[in-house]
Amino acid sequence: MGKAGEVLFAPLRKALTEYATLSFVQRLAVTPAQMGTDAGLVGAAAAALAGRTDTAVAAV
């Protein structure tokens, strides 16, 4: 989706401006992922590692 660029992001920004009522949503910046297509994978790995407490993971 990140490669869709303004075709996707412009309507999304407009909808957020019009419908977002929570303060933290109003401050969102909608931008393409800097990691490209790996962003989801990296985020999933980070979420998985965040729940672990063993020392091998703590060093990562």
N, C-alpha and C. Protein backbone atom coordinates (compact mmCIF):
# COMPACT_ATOMS: atom_id res chain seq x y z
N MET A 1 0.81 -1.19 0.00
CA MET A 1 0.00 0.00 0.00
C MET A 1 0.85 1.25 0.00
N GLY A 2 2.04 1.17 0.57
CA GLY A 2 2.89 2.34 0.63
C GLY A 2 3.27 2.89 -0.72
N LYS A 3 3.32 2.02 -1.72
CA LYS A 3 3.68 2.47 -3.06
C LYS A 3 2.52 3.16 -3.78
N ALA A 4 1.33 3.09 -3.20
CA ALA A 4 0.17 3.75 -3.80
C ALA A 4 0.31 5.26 -3.69
N GLY A 5 1.10 5.73 -2.74
CA GLY A 5 1.38 7.16 -2.61
C GLY A 5 0.15 7.99 -2.37
N GLU A 6 0.12 9.14 -3.02
CA GLU A 6 -0.95 10.11 -2.80
C GLU A 6 -2.32 9.60 -3.23
N VAL A 7 -2.38 8.62 -4.10
CA VAL A 7 -3.67 8.05 -4.49
C VAL A 7 -4.37 7.49 -3.26
N LEU A 8 -3.61 6.90 -2.37
CA LEU A 8 -4.16 6.35 -1.14
C LEU A 8 -4.12 7.35 0.01
N PHE A 9 -3.00 8.05 0.16
CA PHE A 9 -2.80 8.88 1.35
C PHE A 9 -3.62 10.17 1.35
N ALA A 10 -3.83 10.80 0.22
CA ALA A 10 -4.59 12.06 0.19
C ALA A 10 -6.02 11.87 0.70
N PRO A 11 -6.78 10.87 0.20
CA PRO A 11 -8.13 10.68 0.75
C PRO A 11 -8.12 10.25 2.22
N LEU A 12 -7.11 9.49 2.60
CA LEU A 12 -7.01 9.08 4.00
C LEU A 12 -6.77 10.27 4.91
N ARG A 13 -5.86 11.16 4.50
CA ARG A 13 -5.62 12.37 5.30
C ARG A 13 -6.88 13.22 5.41
N LYS A 14 -7.59 13.35 4.29
CA LYS A 14 -8.82 14.15 4.27
C LYS A 14 -9.86 13.55 5.22
N ALA A 15 -10.03 12.23 5.17
CA ALA A 15 -11.00 11.57 6.04
C ALA A 15 -10.61 11.71 7.51
N LEU A 16 -9.33 11.60 7.81
CA LEU A 16 -8.89 11.77 9.19
C LEU A 16 -9.18 13.19 9.69
N THR A 17 -8.94 14.16 8.83
CA THR A 17 -9.19 15.56 9.19
C THR A 17 -10.68 15.78 9.46
N GLU A 18 -11.53 15.18 8.64
CA GLU A 18 -12.97 15.39 8.75
C GLU A 18 -13.61 14.60 9.89
N TYR A 19 -13.13 13.39 10.13
CA TYR A 19 -13.84 12.50 11.04
C TYR A 19 -13.12 12.18 12.34
N ALA A 20 -11.85 12.44 12.43
CA ALA A 20 -11.10 12.11 13.66
C ALA A 20 -11.50 13.06 14.77
N THR A 21 -11.93 12.51 15.87
CA THR A 21 -12.34 13.36 16.98
C THR A 21 -11.42 13.22 18.19
N LEU A 22 -10.70 12.12 18.28
CA LEU A 22 -9.78 11.93 19.41
C LEU A 22 -8.51 12.73 19.16
N SER A 23 -7.99 13.36 20.19
CA SER A 23 -6.85 14.26 20.02
C SER A 23 -5.62 13.56 19.45
N PHE A 24 -5.35 12.31 19.86
CA PHE A 24 -4.16 11.64 19.34
C PHE A 24 -4.31 11.29 17.86
N VAL A 25 -5.52 11.11 17.39
CA VAL A 25 -5.75 10.81 15.97
C VAL A 25 -5.57 12.08 15.15
N GLN A 26 -5.95 13.22 15.69
CA GLN A 26 -5.84 14.48 14.97
C GLN A 26 -4.39 14.85 14.71
N ARG A 27 -3.46 14.33 15.49
CA ARG A 27 -2.04 14.64 15.32
C ARG A 27 -1.29 13.60 14.48
N LEU A 28 -2.00 12.63 13.93
CA LEU A 28 -1.34 11.60 13.13
C LEU A 28 -0.75 12.19 11.85
N ALA A 29 0.40 11.69 11.48
CA ALA A 29 1.01 12.04 10.19
C ALA A 29 0.95 10.80 9.32
N VAL A 30 0.24 10.88 8.21
CA VAL A 30 0.12 9.75 7.30
C VAL A 30 1.21 9.87 6.25
N THR A 31 2.15 8.93 6.29
CA THR A 31 3.29 8.93 5.37
C THR A 31 3.60 7.51 4.94
N PRO A 32 4.28 7.34 3.81
CA PRO A 32 4.69 5.99 3.42
C PRO A 32 5.70 5.43 4.41
N ALA A 33 5.68 4.14 4.59
CA ALA A 33 6.63 3.48 5.49
C ALA A 33 8.05 3.67 4.98
N GLN A 34 8.95 4.04 5.87
CA GLN A 34 10.35 4.22 5.47
C GLN A 34 11.03 2.89 5.20
N MET A 35 10.50 1.80 5.75
CA MET A 35 11.08 0.48 5.55
C MET A 35 10.49 -0.21 4.33
N GLY A 36 9.61 0.45 3.63
CA GLY A 36 9.02 -0.15 2.44
C GLY A 36 8.18 -1.37 2.78
N THR A 37 8.32 -2.40 1.97
CA THR A 37 7.47 -3.58 2.13
C THR A 37 7.85 -4.42 3.35
N ASP A 38 8.99 -4.15 3.97
CA ASP A 38 9.40 -4.90 5.17
C ASP A 38 8.81 -4.32 6.45
N ALA A 39 8.13 -3.21 6.39
CA ALA A 39 7.64 -2.54 7.60
C ALA A 39 6.72 -3.45 8.42
N GLY A 40 5.82 -4.13 7.80
CA GLY A 40 4.91 -5.02 8.53
C GLY A 40 5.64 -6.15 9.21
N LEU A 41 6.60 -6.72 8.52
CA LEU A 41 7.40 -7.81 9.08
C LEU A 41 8.22 -7.34 10.27
N VAL A 42 8.85 -6.19 10.14
CA VAL A 42 9.65 -5.65 11.24
C VAL A 42 8.75 -5.31 12.43
N GLY A 43 7.60 -4.73 12.18
CA GLY A 43 6.67 -4.41 13.26
C GLY A 43 6.17 -5.66 13.97
N ALA A 44 5.86 -6.70 13.23
CA ALA A 44 5.41 -7.96 13.83
C ALA A 44 6.51 -8.57 14.68
N ALA A 45 7.74 -8.55 14.18
CA ALA A 45 8.86 -9.09 14.95
C ALA A 45 9.08 -8.29 16.22
N ALA A 46 8.98 -6.97 16.14
CA ALA A 46 9.16 -6.12 17.32
C ALA A 46 8.06 -6.39 18.34
N ALA A 47 6.83 -6.58 17.88
CA ALA A 47 5.73 -6.87 18.81
C ALA A 47 5.94 -8.22 19.47
N ALA A 48 6.40 -9.20 18.72
CA ALA A 48 6.65 -10.52 19.29
C ALA A 48 7.77 -10.47 20.32
N LEU A 49 8.82 -9.74 20.00
CA LEU A 49 9.95 -9.63 20.92
C LEU A 49 9.61 -8.82 22.17
N ALA A 50 8.72 -7.87 22.04
CA ALA A 50 8.36 -7.01 23.17
C ALA A 50 7.72 -7.81 24.30
N GLY A 51 7.07 -8.89 23.98
CA GLY A 51 6.41 -9.70 24.99
C GLY A 51 7.34 -10.68 25.69
N ARG A 52 8.56 -10.80 25.24
CA ARG A 52 9.52 -11.75 25.82
C ARG A 52 10.41 -11.05 26.84
N THR A 53 10.82 -11.81 27.84
CA THR A 53 11.66 -11.23 28.88
C THR A 53 12.99 -11.95 29.06
N ASP A 54 13.26 -12.97 28.24
CA ASP A 54 14.52 -13.71 28.41
C ASP A 54 15.71 -12.84 27.99
N THR A 55 16.87 -13.15 28.47
CA THR A 55 18.05 -12.31 28.25
C THR A 55 18.52 -12.31 26.80
N ALA A 56 18.26 -13.38 26.06
CA ALA A 56 18.69 -13.42 24.66
C ALA A 56 17.98 -12.35 23.85
N VAL A 57 16.74 -12.13 24.15
CA VAL A 57 15.97 -11.12 23.44
C VAL A 57 16.32 -9.73 23.94
N ALA A 58 16.60 -9.59 25.22
CA ALA A 58 16.90 -8.28 25.79
C ALA A 58 18.14 -7.65 25.15
N ALA A 59 19.03 -8.47 24.61
CA ALA A 59 20.24 -7.95 23.99
C ALA A 59 20.00 -7.44 22.57
N VAL A 60 18.86 -7.75 22.00
CA VAL A 60 18.58 -7.36 20.61
C VAL A 60 18.26 -5.90 20.51
